[in-house]
Amino acid sequence: MKDSLGYFNEFFSLLEREHDGGNPFLDSNGYRRFQRYYGPSFKNKARRYLFKNLYYSRLRYMINLLFCLKNPTILDAGCGLGSESIFFSFLGAKVLSVDLEEEKIKTAEKRKLFYKDLINGEVEFALGNVFEIVRKQKFDIIWMNEAISHIHPAEKFLKLAYGQLNPGGRVIISEGNAGNPCVLLRRFLETGHWSWTTRCTEDSKTGRKVECARERLFTLGEIASILRKIGYSIGHVEFTQFTVFFANRFKVLSKTMERVEKWLGKQKFSGLLAITYRIEGIAD
């Protein structure tokens, strides 16, 4: 029986094949979009191995959680090209994935065809404003990977999400760590701003303007405080991505580095070293 790493390796091998031109369902525009997003991470063997390790560290807890839940309903808020949504459906989840950008949703729909033989649950991609879509049904999990830094206002969405979770449901946030000075420097180099800003984008479905945040990064303490004020109890918390120079090539080394990362996550200085964190808010 495959463990969490086994399932992830199977998914990642298909992701690599897609990058190398092995997805016949993507047209030229979709493939260029995929290449722009994943290209830097797959540029050479060293980068592929590094990206694989970092990506697994982000998804590891979610994979293990889905092993324990029977056919959970998941909202992937800000799904982008849909990789995690498709992967969660491998594990039997029913996933509703939402994004504001029409071209991303179209590409995600075509990508789903490439993975269809491994999908054990369901995955539906929806174009629209996440504030409106979250109101339509109840969820067991609301997953946000690098999304809460763009959803605006974040506090309003997390409060709305609390009311749309089934009893014991949870939001799981994986995000860049504003407590790490290097992460903040990267934001400045990418945006030209030391602080976060907002921008307006068009909802492709309705034509209405939607205000989004641009790299509104939180420290772990800040996001935990917001969750507690709304009423969530804090579940699993983990700083991730310390071992950025490790290439996840061999399983025995992967297990070793997993233990190293867990040790680093317990140290008092971990908030200054971690590139990302993951936090779980539970609706009691």
C-alpha atoms as a PDB file:
ATOM      1  CA  MET A   1       0.000   0.000   0.000  1.00  0.00           C
ATOM      2  CA  LYS A   2       1.363   3.404  -0.976  1.00  0.00           C
ATOM      3  CA  ASP A   3       2.170   5.950   1.732  1.00  0.00           C
ATOM      4  CA  SER A   4       1.892   9.724   1.382  1.00  0.00           C
ATOM      5  CA  LEU A   5       5.235   9.959  -0.403  1.00  0.00           C
ATOM      6  CA  GLY A   6       4.259   7.148  -2.788  1.00  0.00           C
ATOM      7  CA  TYR A   7       1.090   8.946  -3.875  1.00  0.00           C
ATOM      8  CA  PHE A   8       2.974  12.200  -4.200  1.00  0.00           C
ATOM      9  CA  ASN A   9       5.716  10.605  -6.317  1.00  0.00           C
ATOM     10  CA  GLU A  10       3.109   9.200  -8.696  1.00  0.00           C
ATOM     11  CA  PHE A  11       1.506  12.619  -9.056  1.00  0.00           C
ATOM     12  CA  PHE A  12       4.828  14.404  -9.460  1.00  0.00           C
ATOM     13  CA  SER A  13       5.998  12.052 -12.214  1.00  0.00           C
ATOM     14  CA  LEU A  14       2.913  13.041 -14.233  1.00  0.00           C
ATOM     15  CA  LEU A  15       3.590  16.702 -13.503  1.00  0.00           C
ATOM     16  CA  GLU A  16       7.082  16.252 -14.936  1.00  0.00           C
ATOM     17  CA  ARG A  17       5.670  14.499 -18.000  1.00  0.00           C
ATOM     18  CA  GLU A  18       3.275  17.399 -18.559  1.00  0.00           C
ATOM     19  CA  HIS A  19       6.129  19.868 -18.376  1.00  0.00           C
ATOM     20  CA  ASP A  20       8.120  17.883 -20.920  1.00  0.00           C
ATOM     21  CA  GLY A  21       5.262  18.052 -23.420  1.00  0.00           C
ATOM     22  CA  GLY A  22       3.481  14.831 -22.582  1.00  0.00           C
ATOM     23  CA  ASN A  23      -0.051  16.215 -22.131  1.00  0.00           C
ATOM     24  CA  PRO A  24      -1.892  15.893 -25.474  1.00  0.00           C
ATOM     25  CA  PHE A  25      -4.935  17.753 -24.128  1.00  0.00           C
ATOM     26  CA  LEU A  26      -3.145  21.092 -23.756  1.00  0.00           C
ATOM     27  CA  ASP A  27      -3.177  23.407 -26.745  1.00  0.00           C
ATOM     28  CA  SER A  28      -0.244  25.737 -27.424  1.00  0.00           C
ATOM     29  CA  ASN A  29      -1.671  28.530 -25.267  1.00  0.00           C
ATOM     30  CA  GLY A  30      -2.352  26.189 -22.363  1.00  0.00           C
ATOM     31  CA  TYR A  31       1.098  24.647 -22.601  1.00  0.00           C
ATOM     32  CA  ARG A  32       2.775  28.087 -22.633  1.00  0.00           C
ATOM     33  CA  ARG A  33       0.770  29.022 -19.547  1.00  0.00           C
ATOM     34  CA  PHE A  34       1.850  25.804 -17.850  1.00  0.00           C
ATOM     35  CA  GLN A  35       5.475  26.423 -18.843  1.00  0.00           C
ATOM     36  CA  ARG A  36       5.440  29.975 -17.483  1.00  0.00           C
ATOM     37  CA  TYR A  37       4.214  28.723 -14.126  1.00  0.00           C
ATOM     38  CA  TYR A  38       6.337  25.592 -13.732  1.00  0.00           C
ATOM     39  CA  GLY A  39       9.220  26.283 -16.105  1.00  0.00           C
ATOM     40  CA  PRO A  40      11.680  27.780 -13.577  1.00  0.00           C
ATOM     41  CA  SER A  41      11.103  24.861 -11.184  1.00  0.00           C
ATOM     42  CA  PHE A  42      11.802  22.249 -13.886  1.00  0.00           C
ATOM     43  CA  LYS A  43      14.681  24.024 -15.598  1.00  0.00           C
ATOM     44  CA  ASN A  44      17.246  21.336 -14.762  1.00  0.00           C
ATOM     45  CA  LYS A  45      17.558  18.177 -12.673  1.00  0.00           C
ATOM     46  CA  ALA A  46      18.769  19.987  -9.564  1.00  0.00           C
ATOM     47  CA  ARG A  47      15.849  22.403  -9.628  1.00  0.00           C
ATOM     48  CA  ARG A  48      13.372  19.576 -10.214  1.00  0.00           C
ATOM     49  CA  TYR A  49      14.588  17.680  -7.181  1.00  0.00           C
ATOM     50  CA  LEU A  50      14.579  20.839  -5.080  1.00  0.00           C
ATOM     51  CA  PHE A  51      11.054  21.773  -6.182  1.00  0.00           C
ATOM     52  CA  LYS A  52       9.842  18.236  -5.518  1.00  0.00           C
ATOM     53  CA  ASN A  53      11.092  18.395  -1.932  1.00  0.00           C
ATOM     54  CA  LEU A  54       9.569  21.816  -1.315  1.00  0.00           C
ATOM     55  CA  TYR A  55       6.235  20.872  -2.865  1.00  0.00           C
ATOM     56  CA  TYR A  56       5.991  17.678  -0.845  1.00  0.00           C
ATOM     57  CA  SER A  57       6.692  19.574   2.384  1.00  0.00           C
ATOM     58  CA  ARG A  58       3.682  21.750   1.585  1.00  0.00           C
ATOM     59  CA  LEU A  59       1.333  18.880   0.765  1.00  0.00           C
ATOM     60  CA  ARG A  60       2.490  16.217   3.239  1.00  0.00           C
ATOM     61  CA  TYR A  61       0.044  17.061   6.024  1.00  0.00           C
ATOM     62  CA  MET A  62      -2.887  17.372   3.634  1.00  0.00           C
ATOM     63  CA  ILE A  63      -2.126  13.969   2.087  1.00  0.00           C
ATOM     64  CA  ASN A  64      -2.007  12.267   5.484  1.00  0.00           C
ATOM     65  CA  LEU A  65      -5.225  14.012   6.499  1.00  0.00           C
ATOM     66  CA  LEU A  66      -7.047  12.761   3.401  1.00  0.00           C
ATOM     67  CA  PHE A  67      -5.968   9.217   4.240  1.00  0.00           C
ATOM     68  CA  CYS A  68      -8.061   9.560   7.421  1.00  0.00           C
ATOM     69  CA  LEU A  69     -11.186  11.158   5.903  1.00  0.00           C
ATOM     70  CA  LYS A  70     -13.792   9.416   3.785  1.00  0.00           C
ATOM     71  CA  ASN A  71     -14.672  11.337   0.600  1.00  0.00           C
ATOM     72  CA  PRO A  72     -14.277  14.841   2.071  1.00  0.00           C
ATOM     73  CA  THR A  73     -15.601  17.896   0.251  1.00  0.00           C
ATOM     74  CA  ILE A  74     -12.849  20.433  -0.413  1.00  0.00           C
ATOM     75  CA  LEU A  75     -12.860  24.016  -1.666  1.00  0.00           C
ATOM     76  CA  ASP A  76      -9.574  24.937  -3.333  1.00  0.00           C
ATOM     77  CA  ALA A  77      -9.680  28.725  -3.037  1.00  0.00           C
ATOM     78  CA  GLY A  78      -7.511  30.347  -5.688  1.00  0.00           C
ATOM     79  CA  CYS A  79      -6.721  27.094  -7.488  1.00  0.00           C
ATOM     80  CA  GLY A  80      -4.602  28.547 -10.300  1.00  0.00           C
ATOM     81  CA  LEU A  81      -3.840  25.780 -12.805  1.00  0.00           C
ATOM     82  CA  GLY A  82      -5.470  23.195 -10.545  1.00  0.00           C
ATOM     83  CA  SER A  83      -2.581  20.902  -9.607  1.00  0.00           C
ATOM     84  CA  GLU A  84      -3.521  20.374  -5.952  1.00  0.00           C
ATOM     85  CA  SER A  85      -7.211  20.025  -6.801  1.00  0.00           C
ATOM     86  CA  ILE A  86      -6.441  17.207  -9.217  1.00  0.00           C
ATOM     87  CA  PHE A  87      -4.082  15.559  -6.757  1.00  0.00           C
ATOM     88  CA  PHE A  88      -6.610  15.650  -3.894  1.00  0.00           C
ATOM     89  CA  SER A  89      -9.113  13.924  -6.167  1.00  0.00           C
ATOM     90  CA  PHE A  90      -6.595  11.048  -6.494  1.00  0.00           C
ATOM     91  CA  LEU A  91      -7.195  10.445  -2.778  1.00  0.00           C
ATOM     92  CA  GLY A  92     -10.977  10.279  -3.066  1.00  0.00           C
ATOM     93  CA  ALA A  93     -11.884  13.883  -2.307  1.00  0.00           C
ATOM     94  CA  LYS A  94     -14.691  15.822  -3.976  1.00  0.00           C
ATOM     95  CA  VAL A  95     -13.041  19.100  -4.918  1.00  0.00           C
ATOM     96  CA  LEU A  96     -14.559  22.406  -6.020  1.00  0.00           C
ATOM     97  CA  SER A  97     -11.796  24.648  -7.366  1.00  0.00           C
ATOM     98  CA  VAL A  98     -12.248  28.355  -7.974  1.00  0.00           C
ATOM     99  CA  ASP A  99     -10.211  31.083  -9.622  1.00  0.00           C
ATOM    100  CA  LEU A 100     -10.932  34.522 -11.056  1.00  0.00           C
ATOM    101  CA  GLU A 101      -8.895  34.049 -14.237  1.00  0.00           C
ATOM    102  CA  GLU A 102     -10.778  32.384 -17.065  1.00  0.00           C
ATOM    103  CA  GLU A 103      -7.669  31.179 -18.905  1.00  0.00           C
ATOM    104  CA  LYS A 104      -6.399  29.403 -15.789  1.00  0.00           C
ATOM    105  CA  ILE A 105      -9.709  27.598 -15.362  1.00  0.00           C
ATOM    106  CA  LYS A 106      -9.750  26.566 -19.031  1.00  0.00           C
ATOM    107  CA  THR A 107      -6.230  25.193 -18.729  1.00  0.00           C
ATOM    108  CA  ALA A 108      -7.083  23.355 -15.496  1.00  0.00           C
ATOM    109  CA  GLU A 109     -10.072  21.685 -17.195  1.00  0.00           C
ATOM    110  CA  LYS A 110      -7.842  20.394 -20.003  1.00  0.00           C
ATOM    111  CA  ARG A 111      -5.201  19.230 -17.544  1.00  0.00           C
ATOM    112  CA  LYS A 112      -7.841  17.190 -15.694  1.00  0.00           C
ATOM    113  CA  LEU A 113      -8.247  14.995 -18.797  1.00  0.00           C
ATOM    114  CA  PHE A 114      -4.581  14.020 -18.596  1.00  0.00           C
ATOM    115  CA  TYR A 115      -5.035  12.697 -15.035  1.00  0.00           C
ATOM    116  CA  LYS A 116      -8.498  11.160 -15.438  1.00  0.00           C
ATOM    117  CA  ASP A 117      -7.407   7.525 -14.992  1.00  0.00           C
ATOM    118  CA  LEU A 118      -6.090   8.238 -11.498  1.00  0.00           C
ATOM    119  CA  ILE A 119      -8.999  10.356 -10.224  1.00  0.00           C
ATOM    120  CA  ASN A 120     -10.888   8.458  -7.506  1.00  0.00           C
ATOM    121  CA  GLY A 121     -13.072  11.345  -6.377  1.00  0.00           C
ATOM    122  CA  GLU A 122     -14.364  14.363  -8.279  1.00  0.00           C
ATOM    123  CA  VAL A 123     -12.903  17.689  -9.299  1.00  0.00           C
ATOM    124  CA  GLU A 124     -14.871  20.637 -10.695  1.00  0.00           C
ATOM    125  CA  PHE A 125     -13.325  23.910 -11.794  1.00  0.00           C
ATOM    126  CA  ALA A 126     -15.413  27.051 -11.354  1.00  0.00           C
ATOM    127  CA  LEU A 127     -14.766  30.534 -12.674  1.00  0.00           C
ATOM    128  CA  GLY A 128     -15.671  33.324 -10.292  1.00  0.00           C
ATOM    129  CA  ASN A 129     -15.200  35.261  -7.091  1.00  0.00           C
ATOM    130  CA  VAL A 130     -14.316  32.984  -4.176  1.00  0.00           C
ATOM    131  CA  PHE A 131     -16.474  35.110  -1.835  1.00  0.00           C
ATOM    132  CA  GLU A 132     -19.540  34.213  -3.884  1.00  0.00           C
ATOM    133  CA  ILE A 133     -18.715  30.579  -4.546  1.00  0.00           C
ATOM    134  CA  VAL A 134     -17.951  29.694  -0.923  1.00  0.00           C
ATOM    135  CA  ARG A 135     -21.542  30.634  -0.003  1.00  0.00           C
ATOM    136  CA  LYS A 136     -23.054  27.980  -2.280  1.00  0.00           C
ATOM    137  CA  GLN A 137     -22.361  24.868  -0.206  1.00  0.00           C
ATOM    138  CA  LYS A 138     -20.744  23.435   2.913  1.00  0.00           C
ATOM    139  CA  PHE A 139     -17.218  22.050   2.966  1.00  0.00           C
ATOM    140  CA  ASP A 140     -15.093  19.771   5.120  1.00  0.00           C
ATOM    141  CA  ILE A 141     -11.854  21.506   4.129  1.00  0.00           C
ATOM    142  CA  ILE A 142     -11.037  24.867   2.599  1.00  0.00           C
ATOM    143  CA  TRP A 143      -7.518  24.706   1.173  1.00  0.00           C
ATOM    144  CA  MET A 144      -5.505  27.832   0.407  1.00  0.00           C
ATOM    145  CA  ASN A 145      -2.031  27.476  -1.064  1.00  0.00           C
ATOM    146  CA  GLU A 146      -0.476  30.916  -1.520  1.00  0.00           C
ATOM    147  CA  ALA A 147      -4.000  32.300  -1.807  1.00  0.00           C
ATOM    148  CA  ILE A 148      -4.723  34.131   1.451  1.00  0.00           C
ATOM    149  CA  SER A 149      -2.035  36.653   0.430  1.00  0.00           C
ATOM    150  CA  HIS A 150      -4.257  37.602  -2.548  1.00  0.00           C
ATOM    151  CA  ILE A 151      -7.807  37.224  -1.193  1.00  0.00           C
ATOM    152  CA  HIS A 152      -8.972  40.636   0.044  1.00  0.00           C
ATOM    153  CA  PRO A 153     -10.006  41.304   2.683  1.00  0.00           C
ATOM    154  CA  ALA A 154      -8.563  38.104   4.142  1.00  0.00           C
ATOM    155  CA  GLU A 155     -10.314  38.520   7.499  1.00  0.00           C
ATOM    156  CA  LYS A 156     -13.718  38.776   5.827  1.00  0.00           C
ATOM    157  CA  PHE A 157     -13.144  35.642   3.782  1.00  0.00           C
ATOM    158  CA  LEU A 158     -11.963  33.589   6.763  1.00  0.00           C
ATOM    159  CA  LYS A 159     -15.041  34.664   8.712  1.00  0.00           C
ATOM    160  CA  LEU A 160     -17.306  33.714   5.805  1.00  0.00           C
ATOM    161  CA  ALA A 161     -15.479  30.389   5.460  1.00  0.00           C
ATOM    162  CA  TYR A 162     -16.085  29.619   9.145  1.00  0.00           C
ATOM    163  CA  GLY A 163     -19.834  29.616   8.540  1.00  0.00           C
ATOM    164  CA  GLN A 164     -19.522  27.367   5.485  1.00  0.00           C
ATOM    165  CA  LEU A 165     -17.560  24.581   7.145  1.00  0.00           C
ATOM    166  CA  ASN A 166     -19.231  21.411   8.350  1.00  0.00           C
ATOM    167  CA  PRO A 167     -18.853  20.721  12.095  1.00  0.00           C
ATOM    168  CA  GLY A 168     -15.191  19.965  12.703  1.00  0.00           C
ATOM    169  CA  GLY A 169     -14.314  21.325   9.279  1.00  0.00           C
ATOM    170  CA  ARG A 170     -11.085  23.180   8.765  1.00  0.00           C
ATOM    171  CA  VAL A 171      -9.275  25.801   6.768  1.00  0.00           C
ATOM    172  CA  ILE A 172      -5.709  24.895   5.905  1.00  0.00           C
ATOM    173  CA  ILE A 173      -3.448  27.757   4.892  1.00  0.00           C
ATOM    174  CA  SER A 174      -0.039  27.243   3.302  1.00  0.00           C
ATOM    175  CA  GLU A 175       1.656  30.574   2.796  1.00  0.00           C
ATOM    176  CA  GLY A 176       4.902  32.513   2.585  1.00  0.00           C
ATOM    177  CA  ASN A 177       6.282  33.489   5.987  1.00  0.00           C
ATOM    178  CA  ALA A 178       6.392  37.235   6.626  1.00  0.00           C
ATOM    179  CA  GLY A 179       8.611  36.528   9.643  1.00  0.00           C
ATOM    180  CA  ASN A 180      11.466  35.607   7.320  1.00  0.00           C
ATOM    181  CA  PRO A 181      13.415  38.713   6.173  1.00  0.00           C
ATOM    182  CA  CYS A 182      14.427  36.987   2.927  1.00  0.00           C
ATOM    183  CA  VAL A 183      10.767  36.403   2.020  1.00  0.00           C
ATOM    184  CA  LEU A 184      10.026  40.096   2.547  1.00  0.00           C
ATOM    185  CA  LEU A 185      13.060  41.054   0.454  1.00  0.00           C
ATOM    186  CA  ARG A 186      11.811  38.802  -2.350  1.00  0.00           C
ATOM    187  CA  ARG A 187       8.423  40.551  -2.212  1.00  0.00           C
ATOM    188  CA  PHE A 188      10.173  43.917  -2.564  1.00  0.00           C
ATOM    189  CA  LEU A 189      12.210  42.727  -5.540  1.00  0.00           C
ATOM    190  CA  GLU A 190       9.094  41.329  -7.243  1.00  0.00           C
ATOM    191  CA  THR A 191       6.670  44.173  -6.500  1.00  0.00           C
ATOM    192  CA  GLY A 192       8.818  47.219  -5.730  1.00  0.00           C
ATOM    193  CA  HIS A 193       6.989  47.627  -2.401  1.00  0.00           C
ATOM    194  CA  TRP A 194       8.082  46.776   1.125  1.00  0.00           C
ATOM    195  CA  SER A 195       4.443  46.603   2.174  1.00  0.00           C
ATOM    196  CA  TRP A 196       1.538  44.851   0.488  1.00  0.00           C
ATOM    197  CA  THR A 197      -0.721  46.672  -1.941  1.00  0.00           C
ATOM    198  CA  THR A 198      -4.100  46.087  -3.567  1.00  0.00           C
ATOM    199  CA  ARG A 199      -5.143  45.965  -7.189  1.00  0.00           C
ATOM    200  CA  CYS A 200      -8.404  45.544  -9.056  1.00  0.00           C
ATOM    201  CA  THR A 201      -9.000  42.690 -11.443  1.00  0.00           C
ATOM    202  CA  GLU A 202     -12.055  41.788 -13.485  1.00  0.00           C
ATOM    203  CA  ASP A 203     -14.277  38.878 -12.618  1.00  0.00           C
ATOM    204  CA  SER A 204     -14.305  37.121 -16.001  1.00  0.00           C
ATOM    205  CA  LYS A 205     -17.718  35.648 -15.270  1.00  0.00           C
ATOM    206  CA  THR A 206     -19.601  38.804 -14.256  1.00  0.00           C
ATOM    207  CA  GLY A 207     -17.394  41.613 -15.558  1.00  0.00           C
ATOM    208  CA  ARG A 208     -17.394  43.244 -12.122  1.00  0.00           C
ATOM    209  CA  LYS A 209     -14.213  44.645 -10.605  1.00  0.00           C
ATOM    210  CA  VAL A 210     -12.788  42.643  -7.715  1.00  0.00           C
ATOM    211  CA  GLU A 211     -10.200  44.052  -5.341  1.00  0.00           C
ATOM    212  CA  CYS A 212      -7.320  41.680  -4.625  1.00  0.00           C
ATOM    213  CA  ALA A 213      -4.330  41.938  -2.345  1.00  0.00           C
ATOM    214  CA  ARG A 214      -0.856  41.815  -3.797  1.00  0.00           C
ATOM    215  CA  GLU A 215       1.437  39.742  -1.591  1.00  0.00           C
ATOM    216  CA  ARG A 216      -0.222  40.523   1.733  1.00  0.00           C
ATOM    217  CA  LEU A 217       1.988  38.197   3.735  1.00  0.00           C
ATOM    218  CA  PHE A 218       1.291  37.332   7.363  1.00  0.00           C
ATOM    219  CA  THR A 219       3.491  35.956  10.082  1.00  0.00           C
ATOM    220  CA  LEU A 220       2.268  32.735  11.624  1.00  0.00           C
ATOM    221  CA  GLY A 221       1.319  34.631  14.788  1.00  0.00           C
ATOM    222  CA  GLU A 222      -0.727  37.174  12.844  1.00  0.00           C
ATOM    223  CA  ILE A 223      -2.775  34.616  10.936  1.00  0.00           C
ATOM    224  CA  ALA A 224      -3.280  32.525  14.088  1.00  0.00           C
ATOM    225  CA  SER A 225      -4.596  35.600  15.893  1.00  0.00           C
ATOM    226  CA  ILE A 226      -7.077  36.323  13.078  1.00  0.00           C
ATOM    227  CA  LEU A 227      -8.322  32.732  13.125  1.00  0.00           C
ATOM    228  CA  ARG A 228      -8.801  32.723  16.912  1.00  0.00           C
ATOM    229  CA  LYS A 229     -10.717  36.024  16.868  1.00  0.00           C
ATOM    230  CA  ILE A 230     -13.166  34.569  14.336  1.00  0.00           C
ATOM    231  CA  GLY A 231     -13.727  31.477  16.478  1.00  0.00           C
ATOM    232  CA  TYR A 232     -11.449  28.826  14.995  1.00  0.00           C
ATOM    233  CA  SER A 233      -9.407  26.635  17.267  1.00  0.00           C
ATOM    234  CA  ILE A 234      -5.866  26.097  16.056  1.00  0.00           C
ATOM    235  CA  GLY A 235      -5.022  22.579  14.944  1.00  0.00           C
ATOM    236  CA  HIS A 236      -1.885  21.491  13.132  1.00  0.00           C
ATOM    237  CA  VAL A 237       0.811  24.167  12.835  1.00  0.00           C
ATOM    238  CA  GLU A 238       4.110  23.685  11.079  1.00  0.00           C
ATOM    239  CA  PHE A 239       6.916  25.813   9.725  1.00  0.00           C
ATOM    240  CA  THR A 240       8.053  24.327   6.421  1.00  0.00           C
ATOM    241  CA  GLN A 241      10.790  24.596   3.831  1.00  0.00           C
ATOM    242  CA  PHE A 242      13.978  25.039   5.814  1.00  0.00           C
ATOM    243  CA  THR A 243      16.101  22.561   3.878  1.00  0.00           C
ATOM    244  CA  VAL A 244      15.936  24.456   0.609  1.00  0.00           C
ATOM    245  CA  PHE A 245      19.204  23.049  -0.728  1.00  0.00           C
ATOM    246  CA  PHE A 246      18.224  19.427  -0.284  1.00  0.00           C
ATOM    247  CA  ALA A 247      17.268  17.444  -3.375  1.00  0.00           C
ATOM    248  CA  ASN A 248      14.552  14.918  -2.553  1.00  0.00           C
ATOM    249  CA  ARG A 249      15.944  12.081  -4.645  1.00  0.00           C
ATOM    250  CA  PHE A 250      16.162   9.117  -2.293  1.00  0.00           C
ATOM    251  CA  LYS A 251      13.439   8.005   0.070  1.00  0.00           C
ATOM    252  CA  VAL A 252      15.809   7.301   2.982  1.00  0.00           C
ATOM    253  CA  LEU A 253      17.237  10.820   2.728  1.00  0.00           C
ATOM    254  CA  SER A 254      13.738  12.232   2.378  1.00  0.00           C
ATOM    255  CA  LYS A 255      12.753  10.663   5.698  1.00  0.00           C
ATOM    256  CA  THR A 256      15.909  12.026   7.314  1.00  0.00           C
ATOM    257  CA  MET A 257      15.289  15.547   6.038  1.00  0.00           C
ATOM    258  CA  GLU A 258      11.664  15.319   7.126  1.00  0.00           C
ATOM    259  CA  ARG A 259      12.890  14.722  10.681  1.00  0.00           C
ATOM    260  CA  VAL A 260      15.375  17.591  10.357  1.00  0.00           C
ATOM    261  CA  GLU A 261      12.621  19.942   9.239  1.00  0.00           C
ATOM    262  CA  LYS A 262      10.407  18.876  12.132  1.00  0.00           C
ATOM    263  CA  TRP A 263      13.288  19.548  14.538  1.00  0.00           C
ATOM    264  CA  LEU A 264      13.948  22.969  13.027  1.00  0.00           C
ATOM    265  CA  GLY A 265      10.241  23.756  13.275  1.00  0.00           C
ATOM    266  CA  LYS A 266      10.360  23.338  17.056  1.00  0.00           C
ATOM    267  CA  GLN A 267      13.252  25.729  17.613  1.00  0.00           C
ATOM    268  CA  LYS A 268      12.726  29.273  18.887  1.00  0.00           C
ATOM    269  CA  PHE A 269      14.400  30.729  15.800  1.00  0.00           C
ATOM    270  CA  SER A 270      12.279  28.747  13.321  1.00  0.00           C
ATOM    271  CA  GLY A 271      10.080  31.729  12.476  1.00  0.00           C
ATOM    272  CA  LEU A 272      13.110  33.547  11.068  1.00  0.00           C
ATOM    273  CA  LEU A 273      14.323  30.634   8.940  1.00  0.00           C
ATOM    274  CA  ALA A 274      11.167  29.087   7.507  1.00  0.00           C
ATOM    275  CA  ILE A 275      10.220  30.117   3.989  1.00  0.00           C
ATOM    276  CA  THR A 276       6.633  28.984   4.452  1.00  0.00           C
ATOM    277  CA  TYR A 277       4.276  27.792   7.147  1.00  0.00           C
ATOM    278  CA  ARG A 278       1.106  25.756   7.299  1.00  0.00           C
ATOM    279  CA  ILE A 279      -1.691  26.388   9.796  1.00  0.00           C
ATOM    280  CA  GLU A 280      -4.998  24.639  10.360  1.00  0.00           C
ATOM    281  CA  GLY A 281      -8.032  26.430  11.768  1.00  0.00           C
ATOM    282  CA  ILE A 282     -10.833  24.156  12.978  1.00  0.00           C
ATOM    283  CA  ALA A 283     -14.486  25.214  13.149  1.00  0.00           C
ATOM    284  CA  ASP A 284     -15.766  23.721  16.421  1.00  0.00           C
END
